[in-house]
Full PDB file with SEQRES, HELIX, SHEET, SSBOND, CRYST1, ORIGX, SCALE, CONECT and MASTER records, all heavy atoms in Angstrom:
SEQRES   1 A   38  ILE GLY ALA GLY LEU VAL GLY ALA VAL PHE TRP ALA ALA          
SEQRES   2 A   38  THR GLU ALA GLY PRO ILE LEU ILE LEU LEU SER MET PHE          
SEQRES   3 A   38  ILE SER PHE ALA GLY GLN MET GLY ASP ILE ALA GLU              
HELIX    1 AA1 GLY A    2  ALA A   13  1                                  12    
HELIX    2 AA2 ILE A   19  ALA A   37  1                                  19    
CRYST1    1.000    1.000    1.000  90.00  90.00  90.00 P 1           1          
ORIGX1      1.000000  0.000000  0.000000        0.00000                         
ORIGX2      0.000000  1.000000  0.000000        0.00000                         
ORIGX3      0.000000  0.000000  1.000000        0.00000                         
SCALE1      1.000000  0.000000  0.000000        0.00000                         
SCALE2      0.000000  1.000000  0.000000        0.00000                         
SCALE3      0.000000  0.000000  1.000000        0.00000                         
ATOM      1  N   ILE A   1      93.005 109.560 106.505  1.00  0.00           N  
ATOM      2  CA  ILE A   1      92.547 108.179 106.673  1.00  0.00           C  
ATOM      3  C   ILE A   1      92.675 107.413 105.358  1.00  0.00           C  
ATOM      4  O   ILE A   1      93.156 106.267 105.322  1.00  0.00           O  
ATOM      5  CB  ILE A   1      91.092 108.148 107.182  1.00  0.00           C  
ATOM      6  CG1 ILE A   1      91.016 108.757 108.588  1.00  0.00           C  
ATOM      7  CG2 ILE A   1      90.556 106.714 107.184  1.00  0.00           C  
ATOM      8  CD1 ILE A   1      89.599 108.940 109.094  1.00  0.00           C  
ATOM      9  N   GLY A   2      92.251 108.055 104.260  1.00  0.00           N  
ATOM     10  CA  GLY A   2      92.361 107.409 102.958  1.00  0.00           C  
ATOM     11  C   GLY A   2      93.800 107.092 102.597  1.00  0.00           C  
ATOM     12  O   GLY A   2      94.108 106.007 102.087  1.00  0.00           O  
ATOM     13  N   ALA A   3      94.706 108.026 102.878  1.00  0.00           N  
ATOM     14  CA  ALA A   3      96.120 107.796 102.590  1.00  0.00           C  
ATOM     15  C   ALA A   3      96.676 106.660 103.443  1.00  0.00           C  
ATOM     16  O   ALA A   3      97.465 105.833 102.963  1.00  0.00           O  
ATOM     17  CB  ALA A   3      96.916 109.072 102.850  1.00  0.00           C  
ATOM     18  N   GLY A   4      96.252 106.603 104.719  1.00  0.00           N  
ATOM     19  CA  GLY A   4      96.686 105.506 105.577  1.00  0.00           C  
ATOM     20  C   GLY A   4      96.233 104.157 105.050  1.00  0.00           C  
ATOM     21  O   GLY A   4      96.968 103.160 105.117  1.00  0.00           O  
ATOM     22  N   LEU A   5      95.029 104.102 104.483  1.00  0.00           N  
ATOM     23  CA  LEU A   5      94.527 102.861 103.892  1.00  0.00           C  
ATOM     24  C   LEU A   5      95.347 102.466 102.667  1.00  0.00           C  
ATOM     25  O   LEU A   5      95.609 101.271 102.443  1.00  0.00           O  
ATOM     26  CB  LEU A   5      93.050 103.016 103.521  1.00  0.00           C  
ATOM     27  CG  LEU A   5      92.082 103.158 104.697  1.00  0.00           C  
ATOM     28  CD1 LEU A   5      90.663 103.425 104.197  1.00  0.00           C  
ATOM     29  CD2 LEU A   5      92.105 101.889 105.566  1.00  0.00           C  
ATOM     30  N   VAL A   6      95.743 103.453 101.868  1.00  0.00           N  
ATOM     31  CA  VAL A   6      96.622 103.165 100.735  1.00  0.00           C  
ATOM     32  C   VAL A   6      97.933 102.559 101.227  1.00  0.00           C  
ATOM     33  O   VAL A   6      98.429 101.562 100.689  1.00  0.00           O  
ATOM     34  CB  VAL A   6      96.899 104.438  99.910  1.00  0.00           C  
ATOM     35  CG1 VAL A   6      97.984 104.181  98.862  1.00  0.00           C  
ATOM     36  CG2 VAL A   6      95.627 104.923  99.231  1.00  0.00           C  
ATOM     37  N   GLY A   7      98.497 103.162 102.279  1.00  0.00           N  
ATOM     38  CA  GLY A   7      99.728 102.621 102.850  1.00  0.00           C  
ATOM     39  C   GLY A   7      99.552 101.206 103.354  1.00  0.00           C  
ATOM     40  O   GLY A   7     100.426 100.357 103.180  1.00  0.00           O  
ATOM     41  N   ALA A   8      98.399 100.926 103.972  1.00  0.00           N  
ATOM     42  CA  ALA A   8      98.130  99.580 104.490  1.00  0.00           C  
ATOM     43  C   ALA A   8      98.041  98.561 103.363  1.00  0.00           C  
ATOM     44  O   ALA A   8      98.544  97.428 103.481  1.00  0.00           O  
ATOM     45  CB  ALA A   8      96.825  99.589 105.294  1.00  0.00           C  
ATOM     46  N   VAL A   9      97.412  98.944 102.252  1.00  0.00           N  
ATOM     47  CA  VAL A   9      97.305  98.046 101.096  1.00  0.00           C  
ATOM     48  C   VAL A   9      98.687  97.737 100.530  1.00  0.00           C  
ATOM     49  O   VAL A   9      99.004  96.572 100.239  1.00  0.00           O  
ATOM     50  CB  VAL A   9      96.401  98.669 100.015  1.00  0.00           C  
ATOM     51  CG1 VAL A   9      96.491  97.877  98.715  1.00  0.00           C  
ATOM     52  CG2 VAL A   9      94.951  98.725 100.493  1.00  0.00           C  
ATOM     53  N   PHE A  10      99.517  98.749 100.386  1.00  0.00           N  
ATOM     54  CA  PHE A  10     100.861  98.527  99.841  1.00  0.00           C  
ATOM     55  C   PHE A  10     101.732  97.761 100.836  1.00  0.00           C  
ATOM     56  O   PHE A  10     102.619  97.004 100.431  1.00  0.00           O  
ATOM     57  CB  PHE A  10     101.507  99.860  99.456  1.00  0.00           C  
ATOM     58  CG  PHE A  10     101.172 100.309  98.069  1.00  0.00           C  
ATOM     59  CD1 PHE A  10      99.942 100.883  97.787  1.00  0.00           C  
ATOM     60  CD2 PHE A  10     102.075 100.140  97.026  1.00  0.00           C  
ATOM     61  CE1 PHE A  10      99.620 101.291  96.505  1.00  0.00           C  
ATOM     62  CE2 PHE A  10     101.769 100.537  95.739  1.00  0.00           C  
ATOM     63  CZ  PHE A  10     100.531 101.113  95.472  1.00  0.00           C  
ATOM     64  N   TRP A  11     101.509  97.961 102.114  1.00  0.00           N  
ATOM     65  CA  TRP A  11     102.232  97.182 103.122  1.00  0.00           C  
ATOM     66  C   TRP A  11     101.878  95.705 102.981  1.00  0.00           C  
ATOM     67  O   TRP A  11     102.754  94.831 103.020  1.00  0.00           O  
ATOM     68  CB  TRP A  11     101.877  97.694 104.513  1.00  0.00           C  
ATOM     69  CG  TRP A  11     102.385  96.853 105.657  1.00  0.00           C  
ATOM     70  CD1 TRP A  11     103.522  96.100 105.677  1.00  0.00           C  
ATOM     71  CD2 TRP A  11     101.765  96.680 106.933  1.00  0.00           C  
ATOM     72  NE1 TRP A  11     103.668  95.467 106.885  1.00  0.00           N  
ATOM     73  CE2 TRP A  11     102.601  95.799 107.681  1.00  0.00           C  
ATOM     74  CE3 TRP A  11     100.611  97.176 107.523  1.00  0.00           C  
ATOM     75  CZ2 TRP A  11     102.288  95.412 108.979  1.00  0.00           C  
ATOM     76  CZ3 TRP A  11     100.314  96.799 108.821  1.00  0.00           C  
ATOM     77  CH2 TRP A  11     101.136  95.921 109.537  1.00  0.00           C  
ATOM     78  N   ALA A  12     100.593  95.405 102.789  1.00  0.00           N  
ATOM     79  CA  ALA A  12     100.154  94.017 102.679  1.00  0.00           C  
ATOM     80  C   ALA A  12     100.579  93.373 101.365  1.00  0.00           C  
ATOM     81  O   ALA A  12     100.839  92.162 101.314  1.00  0.00           O  
ATOM     82  CB  ALA A  12      98.629  93.944 102.818  1.00  0.00           C  
ATOM     83  N   ALA A  13     100.657  94.174 100.301  1.00  0.00           N  
ATOM     84  CA  ALA A  13     100.897  93.615  98.973  1.00  0.00           C  
ATOM     85  C   ALA A  13     102.363  93.630  98.567  1.00  0.00           C  
ATOM     86  O   ALA A  13     102.729  93.018  97.553  1.00  0.00           O  
ATOM     87  CB  ALA A  13     100.079  94.380  97.935  1.00  0.00           C  
ATOM     88  N   THR A  14     103.207  94.306  99.335  1.00  0.00           N  
ATOM     89  CA  THR A  14     104.616  94.419  98.971  1.00  0.00           C  
ATOM     90  C   THR A  14     105.487  94.070 100.179  1.00  0.00           C  
ATOM     91  O   THR A  14     104.980  93.628 101.217  1.00  0.00           O  
ATOM     92  CB  THR A  14     104.944  95.849  98.507  1.00  0.00           C  
ATOM     93  OG1 THR A  14     104.849  96.757  99.629  1.00  0.00           O  
ATOM     94  CG2 THR A  14     103.984  96.303  97.419  1.00  0.00           C  
ATOM     95  N   GLU A  15     106.775  94.288 100.031  1.00  0.00           N  
ATOM     96  CA  GLU A  15     107.716  94.023 101.120  1.00  0.00           C  
ATOM     97  C   GLU A  15     107.940  95.262 101.985  1.00  0.00           C  
ATOM     98  O   GLU A  15     108.822  95.274 102.835  1.00  0.00           O  
ATOM     99  CB  GLU A  15     109.045  93.552 100.544  1.00  0.00           C  
ATOM    100  CG  GLU A  15     108.946  92.224  99.787  1.00  0.00           C  
ATOM    101  CD  GLU A  15     110.280  91.776  99.232  1.00  0.00           C  
ATOM    102  OE1 GLU A  15     111.269  92.533  99.388  1.00  0.00           O  
ATOM    103  OE2 GLU A  15     110.334  90.693  98.645  1.00  0.00           O  
ATOM    104  N   ALA A  16     107.152  96.282 101.777  1.00  0.00           N  
ATOM    105  CA  ALA A  16     107.278  97.495 102.588  1.00  0.00           C  
ATOM    106  C   ALA A  16     106.885  97.205 104.032  1.00  0.00           C  
ATOM    107  O   ALA A  16     106.058  96.334 104.312  1.00  0.00           O  
ATOM    108  CB  ALA A  16     106.403  98.601 102.014  1.00  0.00           C  
ATOM    109  N   GLY A  17     107.455  97.953 104.944  1.00  0.00           N  
ATOM    110  CA  GLY A  17     107.152  97.767 106.363  1.00  0.00           C  
ATOM    111  C   GLY A  17     105.937  98.559 106.797  1.00  0.00           C  
ATOM    112  O   GLY A  17     105.397  99.378 106.050  1.00  0.00           O  
ATOM    113  N   PRO A  18     105.480  98.354 108.021  1.00  0.00           N  
ATOM    114  CA  PRO A  18     104.287  99.051 108.530  1.00  0.00           C  
ATOM    115  C   PRO A  18     104.460 100.555 108.642  1.00  0.00           C  
ATOM    116  O   PRO A  18     103.468 101.283 108.721  1.00  0.00           O  
ATOM    117  CB  PRO A  18     104.068  98.411 109.908  1.00  0.00           C  
ATOM    118  CG  PRO A  18     105.404  97.860 110.296  1.00  0.00           C  
ATOM    119  CD  PRO A  18     106.040  97.418 109.015  1.00  0.00           C  
ATOM    120  N   ILE A  19     105.715 101.015 108.643  1.00  0.00           N  
ATOM    121  CA  ILE A  19     105.938 102.462 108.708  1.00  0.00           C  
ATOM    122  C   ILE A  19     105.345 103.158 107.497  1.00  0.00           C  
ATOM    123  O   ILE A  19     105.111 104.371 107.501  1.00  0.00           O  
ATOM    124  CB  ILE A  19     107.450 102.774 108.823  1.00  0.00           C  
ATOM    125  CG1 ILE A  19     107.658 104.232 109.258  1.00  0.00           C  
ATOM    126  CG2 ILE A  19     108.159 102.491 107.507  1.00  0.00           C  
ATOM    127  CD1 ILE A  19     109.112 104.582 109.521  1.00  0.00           C  
ATOM    128  N   LEU A  20     105.068 102.379 106.447  1.00  0.00           N  
ATOM    129  CA  LEU A  20     104.502 102.964 105.238  1.00  0.00           C  
ATOM    130  C   LEU A  20     103.140 103.602 105.508  1.00  0.00           C  
ATOM    131  O   LEU A  20     102.757 104.566 104.833  1.00  0.00           O  
ATOM    132  CB  LEU A  20     104.370 101.893 104.149  1.00  0.00           C  
ATOM    133  CG  LEU A  20     104.013 102.397 102.748  1.00  0.00           C  
ATOM    134  CD1 LEU A  20     105.112 103.300 102.218  1.00  0.00           C  
ATOM    135  CD2 LEU A  20     103.780 101.234 101.796  1.00  0.00           C  
ATOM    136  N   ILE A  21     102.406 103.085 106.492  1.00  0.00           N  
ATOM    137  CA  ILE A  21     101.099 103.670 106.813  1.00  0.00           C  
ATOM    138  C   ILE A  21     101.271 105.092 107.342  1.00  0.00           C  
ATOM    139  O   ILE A  21     100.605 106.035 106.890  1.00  0.00           O  
ATOM    140  CB  ILE A  21     100.362 102.796 107.839  1.00  0.00           C  
ATOM    141  CG1 ILE A  21     100.068 101.414 107.246  1.00  0.00           C  
ATOM    142  CG2 ILE A  21      99.064 103.476 108.282  1.00  0.00           C  
ATOM    143  CD1 ILE A  21      99.440 100.451 108.231  1.00  0.00           C  
ATOM    144  N   LEU A  22     102.173 105.249 108.309  1.00  0.00           N  
ATOM    145  CA  LEU A  22     102.421 106.584 108.861  1.00  0.00           C  
ATOM    146  C   LEU A  22     103.037 107.509 107.821  1.00  0.00           C  
ATOM    147  O   LEU A  22     102.689 108.698 107.754  1.00  0.00           O  
ATOM    148  CB  LEU A  22     103.338 106.479 110.079  1.00  0.00           C  
ATOM    149  CG  LEU A  22     102.750 105.783 111.315  1.00  0.00           C  
ATOM    150  CD1 LEU A  22     103.798 105.702 112.424  1.00  0.00           C  
ATOM    151  CD2 LEU A  22     101.506 106.526 111.801  1.00  0.00           C  
ATOM    152  N   LEU A  23     103.937 106.965 107.008  1.00  0.00           N  
ATOM    153  CA  LEU A  23     104.557 107.784 105.963  1.00  0.00           C  
ATOM    154  C   LEU A  23     103.509 108.247 104.960  1.00  0.00           C  
ATOM    155  O   LEU A  23     103.530 109.395 104.514  1.00  0.00           O  
ATOM    156  CB  LEU A  23     105.657 106.996 105.249  1.00  0.00           C  
ATOM    157  CG  LEU A  23     106.416 107.749 104.149  1.00  0.00           C  
ATOM    158  CD1 LEU A  23     107.114 108.979 104.721  1.00  0.00           C  
ATOM    159  CD2 LEU A  23     107.427 106.833 103.468  1.00  0.00           C  
ATOM    160  N   SER A  24     102.584 107.368 104.620  1.00  0.00           N  
ATOM    161  CA  SER A  24     101.510 107.737 103.680  1.00  0.00           C  
ATOM    162  C   SER A  24     100.676 108.880 104.240  1.00  0.00           C  
ATOM    163  O   SER A  24     100.310 109.818 103.512  1.00  0.00           O  
ATOM    164  CB  SER A  24     100.619 106.525 103.397  1.00  0.00           C  
ATOM    165  OG  SER A  24     101.339 105.485 102.769  1.00  0.00           O  
ATOM    166  N   MET A  25     100.365 108.830 105.520  1.00  0.00           N  
ATOM    167  CA  MET A  25      99.564 109.885 106.138  1.00  0.00           C  
ATOM    168  C   MET A  25     100.351 111.196 106.213  1.00  0.00           C  
ATOM    169  O   MET A  25      99.782 112.279 106.025  1.00  0.00           O  
ATOM    170  CB  MET A  25      99.102 109.440 107.524  1.00  0.00           C  
ATOM    171  CG  MET A  25      98.203 108.216 107.489  1.00  0.00           C  
ATOM    172  SD  MET A  25      97.673 107.627 109.123  1.00  0.00           S  
ATOM    173  CE  MET A  25      96.415 108.855 109.523  1.00  0.00           C  
ATOM    174  N   PHE A  26     101.649 111.108 106.456  1.00  0.00           N  
ATOM    175  CA  PHE A  26     102.470 112.321 106.484  1.00  0.00           C  
ATOM    176  C   PHE A  26     102.581 112.934 105.093  1.00  0.00           C  
ATOM    177  O   PHE A  26     102.489 114.158 104.925  1.00  0.00           O  
ATOM    178  CB  PHE A  26     103.866 112.003 107.026  1.00  0.00           C  
ATOM    179  CG  PHE A  26     104.758 113.212 107.127  1.00  0.00           C  
ATOM    180  CD1 PHE A  26     104.565 114.149 108.126  1.00  0.00           C  
ATOM    181  CD2 PHE A  26     105.781 113.416 106.218  1.00  0.00           C  
ATOM    182  CE1 PHE A  26     105.382 115.272 108.223  1.00  0.00           C  
ATOM    183  CE2 PHE A  26     106.599 114.533 106.301  1.00  0.00           C  
ATOM    184  CZ  PHE A  26     106.397 115.463 107.302  1.00  0.00           C  
ATOM    185  N   ILE A  27     102.758 112.078 104.071  1.00  0.00           N  
ATOM    186  CA  ILE A  27     102.828 112.567 102.698  1.00  0.00           C  
ATOM    187  C   ILE A  27     101.480 113.158 102.292  1.00  0.00           C  
ATOM    188  O   ILE A  27     101.402 114.136 101.534  1.00  0.00           O  
ATOM    189  CB  ILE A  27     103.250 111.440 101.748  1.00  0.00           C  
ATOM    190  CG1 ILE A  27     104.707 111.043 102.028  1.00  0.00           C  
ATOM    191  CG2 ILE A  27     103.093 111.861 100.293  1.00  0.00           C  
ATOM    192  CD1 ILE A  27     105.706 112.155 101.823  1.00  0.00           C  
ATOM    193  N   SER A  28     100.389 112.568 102.796  1.00  0.00           N  
ATOM    194  CA  SER A  28      99.057 113.126 102.554  1.00  0.00           C  
ATOM    195  C   SER A  28      98.982 114.560 103.071  1.00  0.00           C  
ATOM    196  O   SER A  28      98.490 115.466 102.374  1.00  0.00           O  
ATOM    197  CB  SER A  28      97.994 112.264 103.246  1.00  0.00           C  
ATOM    198  OG  SER A  28      96.726 112.888 103.224  1.00  0.00           O  
ATOM    199  N   PHE A  29      99.467 114.765 104.286  1.00  0.00           N  
ATOM    200  CA  PHE A  29      99.472 116.111 104.871  1.00  0.00           C  
ATOM    201  C   PHE A  29     100.346 117.052 104.051  1.00  0.00           C  
ATOM    202  O   PHE A  29      99.977 118.212 103.811  1.00  0.00           O  
ATOM    203  CB  PHE A  29      99.969 116.037 106.311  1.00  0.00           C  
ATOM    204  CG  PHE A  29     100.121 117.384 106.964  1.00  0.00           C  
ATOM    205  CD1 PHE A  29      99.011 118.130 107.324  1.00  0.00           C  
ATOM    206  CD2 PHE A  29     101.378 117.917 107.209  1.00  0.00           C  
ATOM    207  CE1 PHE A  29      99.144 119.369 107.924  1.00  0.00           C  
ATOM    208  CE2 PHE A  29     101.528 119.149 107.805  1.00  0.00           C  
ATOM    209  CZ  PHE A  29     100.410 119.887 108.167  1.00  0.00           C  
ATOM    210  N   ALA A  30     101.508 116.554 103.587  1.00  0.00           N  
ATOM    211  CA  ALA A  30     102.395 117.390 102.765  1.00  0.00           C  
ATOM    212  C   ALA A  30     101.704 117.796 101.472  1.00  0.00           C  
ATOM    213  O   ALA A  30     101.833 118.934 101.010  1.00  0.00           O  
ATOM    214  CB  ALA A  30     103.686 116.633 102.465  1.00  0.00           C  
ATOM    215  N   GLY A  31     100.960 116.845 100.886  1.00  0.00           N  
ATOM    216  CA  GLY A  31     100.219 117.169  99.676  1.00  0.00           C  
ATOM    217  C   GLY A  31      99.151 118.220  99.933  1.00  0.00           C  
ATOM    218  O   GLY A  31      98.943 119.132  99.126  1.00  0.00           O  
ATOM    219  N   GLN A  32      98.468 118.101 101.052  1.00  0.00           N  
ATOM    220  CA  GLN A  32      97.458 119.103 101.409  1.00  0.00           C  
ATOM    221  C   GLN A  32      98.090 120.475 101.597  1.00  0.00           C  
ATOM    222  O   GLN A  32      97.499 121.496 101.233  1.00  0.00           O  
ATOM    223  CB  GLN A  32      96.730 118.670 102.678  1.00  0.00           C  
ATOM    224  CG  GLN A  32      95.828 117.457 102.479  1.00  0.00           C  
ATOM    225  CD  GLN A  32      95.326 116.894 103.794  1.00  0.00           C  
ATOM    226  OE1 GLN A  32      95.915 117.097 104.854  1.00  0.00           O  
ATOM    227  NE2 GLN A  32      94.214 116.166 103.741  1.00  0.00           N  
ATOM    228  N   MET A  33      99.292 120.514 102.149  1.00  0.00           N  
ATOM    229  CA  MET A  33      99.972 121.790 102.318  1.00  0.00           C  
ATOM    230  C   MET A  33     100.398 122.372 100.969  1.00  0.00           C  
ATOM    231  O   MET A  33     100.420 123.598 100.788  1.00  0.00           O  
ATOM    232  CB  MET A  33     101.207 121.621 103.218  1.00  0.00           C  
ATOM    233  CG  MET A  33     100.872 121.338 104.673  1.00  0.00           C  
ATOM    234  SD  MET A  33      99.853 122.643 105.465  1.00  0.00           S  
ATOM    235  CE  MET A  33      98.208 121.909 105.332  1.00  0.00           C  
ATOM    236  N   GLY A  34     100.733 121.490 100.013  1.00  0.00           N  
ATOM    237  CA  GLY A  34     101.011 121.966  98.664  1.00  0.00           C  
ATOM    238  C   GLY A  34      99.783 122.606  98.051  1.00  0.00           C  
ATOM    239  O   GLY A  34      99.860 123.658  97.398  1.00  0.00           O  
ATOM    240  N   ASP A  35      98.637 121.981  98.282  1.00  0.00           N  
ATOM    241  CA  ASP A  35      97.364 122.526  97.812  1.00  0.00           C  
ATOM    242  C   ASP A  35      97.069 123.869  98.489  1.00  0.00           C  
ATOM    243  O   ASP A  35      96.652 124.843  97.842  1.00  0.00           O  
ATOM    244  CB  ASP A  35      96.250 121.525  98.117  1.00  0.00           C  
ATOM    245  CG  ASP A  35      94.936 121.884  97.459  1.00  0.00           C  
ATOM    246  OD1 ASP A  35      94.885 122.888  96.733  1.00  0.00           O  
ATOM    247  OD2 ASP A  35      93.957 121.155  97.672  1.00  0.00           O  
ATOM    248  N   ILE A  36      97.294 123.917  99.796  1.00  0.00           N  
ATOM    249  CA  ILE A  36      97.068 125.153 100.549  1.00  0.00           C  
ATOM    250  C   ILE A  36      97.984 126.266 100.045  1.00  0.00           C  
ATOM    251  O   ILE A  36      97.565 127.429  99.904  1.00  0.00           O  
ATOM    252  CB  ILE A  36      97.320 124.914 102.053  1.00  0.00           C  
ATOM    253  CG1 ILE A  36      96.210 124.057 102.658  1.00  0.00           C  
ATOM    254  CG2 ILE A  36      97.451 126.235 102.796  1.00  0.00           C  
ATOM    255  CD1 ILE A  36      94.890 124.752 102.823  1.00  0.00           C  
ATOM    256  N   ALA A  37      99.244 125.926  99.758  1.00  0.00           N  
ATOM    257  CA  ALA A  37     100.201 126.935  99.292  1.00  0.00           C  
ATOM    258  C   ALA A  37      99.742 127.539  97.969  1.00  0.00           C  
ATOM    259  O   ALA A  37      99.808 128.760  97.773  1.00  0.00           O  
ATOM    260  CB  ALA A  37     101.587 126.313  99.140  1.00  0.00           C  
ATOM    261  N   GLU A  38      99.262 126.683  97.061  1.00  0.00           N  
ATOM    262  CA  GLU A  38      98.802 127.217  95.777  1.00  0.00           C  
ATOM    263  C   GLU A  38      97.521 128.021  95.950  1.00  0.00           C  
ATOM    264  O   GLU A  38      97.321 129.037  95.287  1.00  0.00           O  
ATOM    265  CB  GLU A  38      98.578 126.082  94.777  1.00  0.00           C  
ATOM    266  CG  GLU A  38      98.612 126.553  93.326  1.00  0.00           C  
ATOM    267  CD  GLU A  38      97.334 126.244  92.571  1.00  0.00           C  
ATOM    268  OE1 GLU A  38      96.444 125.593  93.143  1.00  0.00           O  
ATOM    269  OE2 GLU A  38      97.212 126.679  91.413  1.00  0.00           O  
TER     270      GLU A  38                                                      
MASTER        0    0    0    2    0    0    0    6  269    1    0    3          
END                                                                             
């Protein structure tokens, strides 16, 4: 949820599209998996 909010802020403040919200949440999950791997 926090990552999605970051994506929403950057979507509103930049020329990025709304897909940035979903991408942010997916990257959040990838980061969590990096943490899990370590």
